[in-house]
PDB file of N, CA and C in Angstrom:
ATOM      1  N   MET A   1       1.637   4.830 -14.330  1.00  0.00           N
ATOM      2  CA  MET A   1       2.096   3.732 -14.834  1.00  0.00           C
ATOM      3  C   MET A   1       2.406   2.377 -13.496  1.00  0.00           C
ATOM      4  N   PRO A   2       2.341   1.275 -13.573  1.00  0.00           N
ATOM      5  CA  PRO A   2       1.173   0.986 -14.415  1.00  0.00           C
ATOM      6  C   PRO A   2      -0.237   0.564 -14.327  1.00  0.00           C
ATOM      7  N   THR A   3      -1.086   0.635 -15.447  1.00  0.00           N
ATOM      8  CA  THR A   3      -2.468   0.586 -15.258  1.00  0.00           C
ATOM      9  C   THR A   3      -2.783  -0.545 -14.741  1.00  0.00           C
ATOM     10  N   ARG A   4      -3.915  -0.056 -13.661  1.00  0.00           N
ATOM     11  CA  ARG A   4      -4.700  -0.745 -12.759  1.00  0.00           C
ATOM     12  C   ARG A   4      -6.462  -0.797 -13.098  1.00  0.00           C
ATOM     13  N   HIS A   5      -6.462  -2.057 -13.864  1.00  0.00           N
ATOM     14  CA  HIS A   5      -8.047  -1.555 -14.406  1.00  0.00           C
ATOM     15  C   HIS A   5      -9.086  -1.627 -13.207  1.00  0.00           C
ATOM     16  N   ARG A   6      -8.687  -2.498 -12.078  1.00  0.00           N
ATOM     17  CA  ARG A   6      -9.611  -2.796 -10.971  1.00  0.00           C
ATOM     18  C   ARG A   6      -9.071  -2.532  -9.590  1.00  0.00           C
ATOM     19  N   ARG A   7      -9.611  -1.583  -8.890  1.00  0.00           N
ATOM     20  CA  ARG A   7      -9.275  -1.883  -7.449  1.00  0.00           C
ATOM     21  C   ARG A   7      -9.592  -3.161  -6.440  1.00  0.00           C
ATOM     22  N   PRO A   8      -9.116  -3.671  -6.075  1.00  0.00           N
ATOM     23  CA  PRO A   8      -9.191  -4.530  -5.051  1.00  0.00           C
ATOM     24  C   PRO A   8     -10.283  -4.521  -4.102  1.00  0.00           C
ATOM     25  N   PRO A   9     -11.023  -5.490  -3.454  1.00  0.00           N
ATOM     26  CA  PRO A   9     -12.286  -5.507  -3.008  1.00  0.00           C
ATOM     27  C   PRO A   9     -11.730  -4.537  -1.458  1.00  0.00           C
ATOM     28  N   ALA A  10     -13.183  -4.156  -0.766  1.00  0.00           N
ATOM     29  CA  ALA A  10     -12.892  -3.280   0.408  1.00  0.00           C
ATOM     30  C   ALA A  10     -12.419  -4.613   1.718  1.00  0.00           C
ATOM     31  N   VAL A  11     -12.077  -4.091   2.388  1.00  0.00           N
ATOM     32  CA  VAL A  11     -11.605  -5.061   3.428  1.00  0.00           C
ATOM     33  C   VAL A  11     -12.084  -4.504   5.208  1.00  0.00           C
ATOM     34  N   ARG A  12     -12.721  -5.598   5.630  1.00  0.00           N
ATOM     35  CA  ARG A  12     -13.132  -5.590   6.810  1.00  0.00           C
ATOM     36  C   ARG A  12     -12.402  -5.990   7.855  1.00  0.00           C
ATOM     37  N   LEU A  13     -12.080  -4.808   9.018  1.00  0.00           N
ATOM     38  CA  LEU A  13     -11.209  -5.471  10.141  1.00  0.00           C
ATOM     39  C   LEU A  13     -12.125  -5.256  11.643  1.00  0.00           C
ATOM     40  N   LEU A  14     -11.743  -6.020  12.227  1.00  0.00           N
ATOM     41  CA  LEU A  14     -12.441  -6.436  13.495  1.00  0.00           C
ATOM     42  C   LEU A  14     -11.634  -5.051  14.721  1.00  0.00           C
ATOM     43  N   PHE A  15     -12.422  -4.837  15.373  1.00  0.00           N
ATOM     44  CA  PHE A  15     -11.619  -3.490  16.274  1.00  0.00           C
ATOM     45  C   PHE A  15     -10.350  -4.362  16.948  1.00  0.00           C
ATOM     46  N   GLY A  16      -9.238  -3.395  16.646  1.00  0.00           N
ATOM     47  CA  GLY A  16      -8.045  -3.763  17.087  1.00  0.00           C
ATOM     48  C   GLY A  16      -6.840  -4.153  15.981  1.00  0.00           C
ATOM     49  N   GLN A  17      -7.745  -4.817  15.043  1.00  0.00           N
ATOM     50  CA  GLN A  17      -7.045  -5.350  13.645  1.00  0.00           C
ATOM     51  C   GLN A  17      -6.261  -4.297  12.885  1.00  0.00           C
ATOM     52  N   TRP A  18      -5.346  -4.745  12.232  1.00  0.00           N
ATOM     53  CA  TRP A  18      -4.754  -3.401  11.322  1.00  0.00           C
ATOM     54  C   TRP A  18      -4.412  -4.514   9.999  1.00  0.00           C
ATOM     55  N   LEU A  19      -4.208  -3.687   9.003  1.00  0.00           N
ATOM     56  CA  LEU A  19      -3.966  -4.206   7.525  1.00  0.00           C
ATOM     57  C   LEU A  19      -2.655  -3.352   7.028  1.00  0.00           C
ATOM     58  N   GLN A  20      -1.966  -4.147   6.342  1.00  0.00           N
ATOM     59  CA  GLN A  20      -0.790  -3.612   5.511  1.00  0.00           C
ATOM     60  C   GLN A  20      -1.059  -3.543   3.852  1.00  0.00           C
ATOM     61  N   TRP A  21      -1.180  -2.351   3.488  1.00  0.00           N
ATOM     62  CA  TRP A  21      -1.344  -2.054   1.828  1.00  0.00           C
ATOM     63  C   TRP A  21      -0.013  -1.690   1.110  1.00  0.00           C
ATOM     64  N   GLN A  22       0.200  -1.960   0.162  1.00  0.00           N
ATOM     65  CA  GLN A  22       1.629  -1.814  -0.578  1.00  0.00           C
ATOM     66  C   GLN A  22       1.134  -1.410  -1.943  1.00  0.00           C
ATOM     67  N   ILE A  23       1.942  -0.467  -2.491  1.00  0.00           N
ATOM     68  CA  ILE A  23       1.488  -0.272  -3.942  1.00  0.00           C
ATOM     69  C   ILE A  23       2.565   0.516  -4.564  1.00  0.00           C
ATOM     70  N   ASN A  24       3.174   0.080  -5.658  1.00  0.00           N
ATOM     71  CA  ASN A  24       3.763   1.028  -6.259  1.00  0.00           C
ATOM     72  C   ASN A  24       3.526   1.618  -7.934  1.00  0.00           C
ATOM     73  N   TYR A  25       4.922   2.796  -8.092  1.00  0.00           N
ATOM     74  CA  TYR A  25       4.140   3.738  -9.250  1.00  0.00           C
ATOM     75  C   TYR A  25       5.494   3.922 -10.314  1.00  0.00           C
ATOM     76  N   ARG A  26       5.637   4.191 -11.404  1.00  0.00           N
ATOM     77  CA  ARG A  26       6.647   4.485 -12.395  1.00  0.00           C
ATOM     78  C   ARG A  26       6.255   5.900 -12.661  1.00  0.00           C
ATOM     79  N   LEU A  27       6.983   6.768 -12.141  1.00  0.00           N
ATOM     80  CA  LEU A  27       6.829   8.246 -12.569  1.00  0.00           C
ATOM     81  C   LEU A  27       7.934   8.688 -13.673  1.00  0.00           C
ATOM     82  N   VAL A  28       7.186   9.456 -14.715  1.00  0.00           N
ATOM     83  CA  VAL A  28       7.907  10.437 -15.432  1.00  0.00           C
ATOM     84  C   VAL A  28       8.259  11.626 -15.082  1.00  0.00           C
ATOM     85  N   GLY A  29       9.538  12.442 -15.320  1.00  0.00           N
ATOM     86  CA  GLY A  29       9.762  13.733 -14.813  1.00  0.00           C
ATOM     87  C   GLY A  29      10.001  14.728 -15.958  1.00  0.00           C
ATOM     88  N   ARG A  30       9.058  15.906 -15.341  1.00  0.00           N
ATOM     89  CA  ARG A  30       8.405  16.746 -16.394  1.00  0.00           C
ATOM     90  C   ARG A  30       9.668  17.360 -17.293  1.00  0.00           C
ATOM     91  N   CYS A  31      10.773  17.536 -16.841  1.00  0.00           N
ATOM     92  CA  CYS A  31      11.678  18.377 -17.315  1.00  0.00           C
ATOM     93  C   CYS A  31      12.686  17.319 -18.331  1.00  0.00           C
ATOM     94  N   ASP A  32      13.177  16.403 -17.542  1.00  0.00           N
ATOM     95  CA  ASP A  32      14.045  15.719 -18.497  1.00  0.00           C
ATOM     96  C   ASP A  32      13.615  14.170 -18.911  1.00  0.00           C
ATOM     97  N   GLY A  33      12.392  13.883 -18.606  1.00  0.00           N
ATOM     98  CA  GLY A  33      11.882  12.697 -18.790  1.00  0.00           C
ATOM     99  C   GLY A  33      12.243  11.546 -18.351  1.00  0.00           C
ATOM    100  N   GLY A  34      12.988  11.620 -17.288  1.00  0.00           N
ATOM    101  CA  GLY A  34      13.840  10.756 -16.897  1.00  0.00           C
ATOM    102  C   GLY A  34      12.612   9.759 -15.777  1.00  0.00           C
ATOM    103  N   TRP A  35      12.928   8.602 -15.467  1.00  0.00           N
ATOM    104  CA  TRP A  35      11.970   7.473 -14.559  1.00  0.00           C
ATOM    105  C   TRP A  35      12.131   7.842 -13.470  1.00  0.00           C
ATOM    106  N   SER A  36      11.147   7.847 -12.395  1.00  0.00           N
ATOM    107  CA  SER A  36      11.679   7.292 -10.885  1.00  0.00           C
ATOM    108  C   SER A  36      10.427   6.235 -10.182  1.00  0.00           C
ATOM    109  N   TYR A  37      10.745   5.743  -9.398  1.00  0.00           N
ATOM    110  CA  TYR A  37       9.921   4.458  -9.074  1.00  0.00           C
ATOM    111  C   TYR A  37      10.005   4.551  -7.542  1.00  0.00           C
ATOM    112  N   ARG A  38       8.380   4.599  -7.200  1.00  0.00           N
ATOM    113  CA  ARG A  38       8.107   4.903  -5.760  1.00  0.00           C
ATOM    114  C   ARG A  38       7.226   3.564  -5.562  1.00  0.00           C
ATOM    115  N   LEU A  39       7.353   3.051  -4.224  1.00  0.00           N
ATOM    116  CA  LEU A  39       6.683   2.247  -3.339  1.00  0.00           C
ATOM    117  C   LEU A  39       6.061   2.457  -2.099  1.00  0.00           C
ATOM    118  N   GLU A  40       4.689   2.624  -1.599  1.00  0.00           N
ATOM    119  CA  GLU A  40       3.904   3.158  -0.713  1.00  0.00           C
ATOM    120  C   GLU A  40       3.348   2.072   0.407  1.00  0.00           C
ATOM    121  N   THR A  41       3.576   2.048   1.412  1.00  0.00           N
ATOM    122  CA  THR A  41       3.423   1.005   2.230  1.00  0.00           C
ATOM    123  C   THR A  41       2.505   1.707   3.252  1.00  0.00           C
ATOM    124  N   PHE A  42       1.356   1.356   3.493  1.00  0.00           N
ATOM    125  CA  PHE A  42       0.373   2.025   4.361  1.00  0.00           C
ATOM    126  C   PHE A  42      -0.219   1.087   5.559  1.00  0.00           C
ATOM    127  N   ASN A  43      -0.085   1.338   6.833  1.00  0.00           N
ATOM    128  CA  ASN A  43      -0.463   0.172   8.020  1.00  0.00           C
ATOM    129  C   ASN A  43      -1.668   1.192   8.522  1.00  0.00           C
ATOM    130  N   ILE A  44      -2.818   0.259   8.131  1.00  0.00           N
ATOM    131  CA  ILE A  44      -4.087   0.925   8.523  1.00  0.00           C
ATOM    132  C   ILE A  44      -4.523   0.326  10.022  1.00  0.00           C
ATOM    133  N   LEU A  45      -4.896   1.053  11.158  1.00  0.00           N
ATOM    134  CA  LEU A  45      -5.259   0.067  11.953  1.00  0.00           C
ATOM    135  C   LEU A  45      -6.900   0.307  12.321  1.00  0.00           C
ATOM    136  N   TYR A  46      -7.562  -0.584  12.944  1.00  0.00           N
ATOM    137  CA  TYR A  46      -9.078  -0.009  13.137  1.00  0.00           C
ATOM    138  C   TYR A  46      -9.020  -0.070  14.832  1.00  0.00           C
ATOM    139  N   GLY A  47      -8.991   0.674  15.368  1.00  0.00           N
ATOM    140  CA  GLY A  47      -8.860   1.085  17.036  1.00  0.00           C
ATOM    141  C   GLY A  47      -8.142   1.865  17.420  1.00  0.00           C
ATOM    142  N   SER A  48      -7.639   1.477  18.977  1.00  0.00           N
ATOM    143  CA  SER A  48      -6.520   2.406  19.437  1.00  0.00           C
ATOM    144  C   SER A  48      -5.613   1.947  19.084  1.00  0.00           C
ATOM    145  N   ALA A  49      -4.393   2.920  18.989  1.00  0.00           N
ATOM    146  CA  ALA A  49      -2.963   2.557  18.521  1.00  0.00           C
ATOM    147  C   ALA A  49      -2.322   2.553  19.950  1.00  0.00           C
ATOM    148  N   THR A  50      -1.165   1.716  19.871  1.00  0.00           N
ATOM    149  CA  THR A  50       0.106   1.615  20.998  1.00  0.00           C
ATOM    150  C   THR A  50       0.930   1.625  20.241  1.00  0.00           C
ATOM    151  N   PRO A  51       1.892   2.007  20.830  1.00  0.00           N
ATOM    152  CA  PRO A  51       3.244   2.176  20.385  1.00  0.00           C
ATOM    153  C   PRO A  51       3.887   1.131  19.568  1.00  0.00           C
ATOM    154  N   ASP A  52       3.654  -0.437  19.920  1.00  0.00           N
ATOM    155  CA  ASP A  52       4.067  -1.694  19.574  1.00  0.00           C
ATOM    156  C   ASP A  52       3.062  -2.614  18.455  1.00  0.00           C
ATOM    157  N   VAL A  53       2.116  -1.546  18.173  1.00  0.00           N
ATOM    158  CA  VAL A  53       0.934  -2.314  17.351  1.00  0.00           C
ATOM    159  C   VAL A  53       1.303  -2.792  16.089  1.00  0.00           C
ATOM    160  N   PHE A  54       2.155  -1.935  15.235  1.00  0.00           N
ATOM    161  CA  PHE A  54       2.779  -2.726  13.904  1.00  0.00           C
ATOM    162  C   PHE A  54       4.151  -3.155  13.534  1.00  0.00           C
ATOM    163  N   PRO A  55       4.318  -3.375  14.583  1.00  0.00           N
ATOM    164  CA  PRO A  55       5.708  -4.526  14.329  1.00  0.00           C
ATOM    165  C   PRO A  55       5.260  -5.899  14.583  1.00  0.00           C
ATOM    166  N   GLY A  56       4.237  -6.111  14.260  1.00  0.00           N
ATOM    167  CA  GLY A  56       3.504  -7.727  14.876  1.00  0.00           C
ATOM    168  C   GLY A  56       3.173  -7.920  13.256  1.00  0.00           C
ATOM    169  N   VAL A  57       2.327  -8.720  12.951  1.00  0.00           N
ATOM    170  CA  VAL A  57       1.803  -9.461  11.690  1.00  0.00           C
ATOM    171  C   VAL A  57       0.618  -8.873  11.518  1.00  0.00           C
ATOM    172  N   PRO A  58       0.249  -8.349  10.372  1.00  0.00           N
ATOM    173  CA  PRO A  58      -1.081  -7.605  10.120  1.00  0.00           C
ATOM    174  C   PRO A  58      -2.224  -8.823   9.798  1.00  0.00           C
ATOM    175  N   ALA A  59      -3.583  -8.544  10.098  1.00  0.00           N
ATOM    176  CA  ALA A  59      -4.588  -9.250  10.011  1.00  0.00           C
ATOM    177  C   ALA A  59      -4.730  -9.546   8.420  1.00  0.00           C
ATOM    178  N   ARG A  60      -5.046  -8.616   7.624  1.00  0.00           N
ATOM    179  CA  ARG A  60      -5.050  -8.415   6.400  1.00  0.00           C
ATOM    180  C   ARG A  60      -3.756  -7.739   5.682  1.00  0.00           C
ATOM    181  N   ARG A  61      -3.725  -8.339   4.270  1.00  0.00           N
ATOM    182  CA  ARG A  61      -2.554  -7.436   3.442  1.00  0.00           C
ATOM    183  C   ARG A  61      -3.328  -7.214   2.257  1.00  0.00           C
ATOM    184  N   VAL A  62      -3.133  -6.151   1.736  1.00  0.00           N
ATOM    185  CA  VAL A  62      -3.466  -5.666   0.208  1.00  0.00           C
ATOM    186  C   VAL A  62      -2.119  -5.109  -0.691  1.00  0.00           C
ATOM    187  N   ASP A  63      -2.249  -6.303  -1.543  1.00  0.00           N
ATOM    188  CA  ASP A  63      -0.903  -5.914  -2.554  1.00  0.00           C
ATOM    189  C   ASP A  63      -1.338  -5.548  -3.612  1.00  0.00           C
ATOM    190  N   GLU A  64      -1.010  -4.194  -3.918  1.00  0.00           N
ATOM    191  CA  GLU A  64      -1.410  -3.613  -5.286  1.00  0.00           C
ATOM    192  C   GLU A  64      -0.104  -3.528  -6.122  1.00  0.00           C
ATOM    193  N   ARG A  65       1.194  -4.232  -5.830  1.00  0.00           N
ATOM    194  CA  ARG A  65       2.449  -4.094  -6.856  1.00  0.00           C
ATOM    195  C   ARG A  65       2.179  -4.625  -7.927  1.00  0.00           C
ATOM    196  N   ARG A  66       2.620  -3.682  -8.749  1.00  0.00           N
ATOM    197  CA  ARG A  66       2.821  -4.406 -10.470  1.00  0.00           C
ATOM    198  C   ARG A  66       4.220  -4.085 -10.860  1.00  0.00           C
ATOM    199  N   SER A  67       4.176  -4.973 -11.795  1.00  0.00           N
ATOM    200  CA  SER A  67       5.665  -4.779 -12.668  1.00  0.00           C
ATOM    201  C   SER A  67       5.795  -3.603 -13.319  1.00  0.00           C
ATOM    202  N   LEU A  68       6.874  -3.070 -13.264  1.00  0.00           N
ATOM    203  CA  LEU A  68       7.113  -1.659 -13.588  1.00  0.00           C
ATOM    204  C   LEU A  68       8.259  -1.637 -14.777  1.00  0.00           C
ATOM    205  N   ARG A  69       8.042  -2.724 -15.666  1.00  0.00           N
ATOM    206  CA  ARG A  69       9.161  -2.717 -16.949  1.00  0.00           C
ATOM    207  C   ARG A  69       9.746  -1.841 -16.956  1.00  0.00           C
TER     208      ARG A  69
END
């Protein structure tokens, strides 16, 4: 949950650029039926990494977060 009918289009990055991709989920527990929520953020770099690469502003963002009613 939630249902995602389409994935976003592919993203092209130039060497040295990075993107930030966010996606969220709602999960049901097997034993008690309780809900849990999850937000994942991925920082993806094309090129060589340095320790200070991700604190800056990404070249692109992919936002797949949805309402988790």
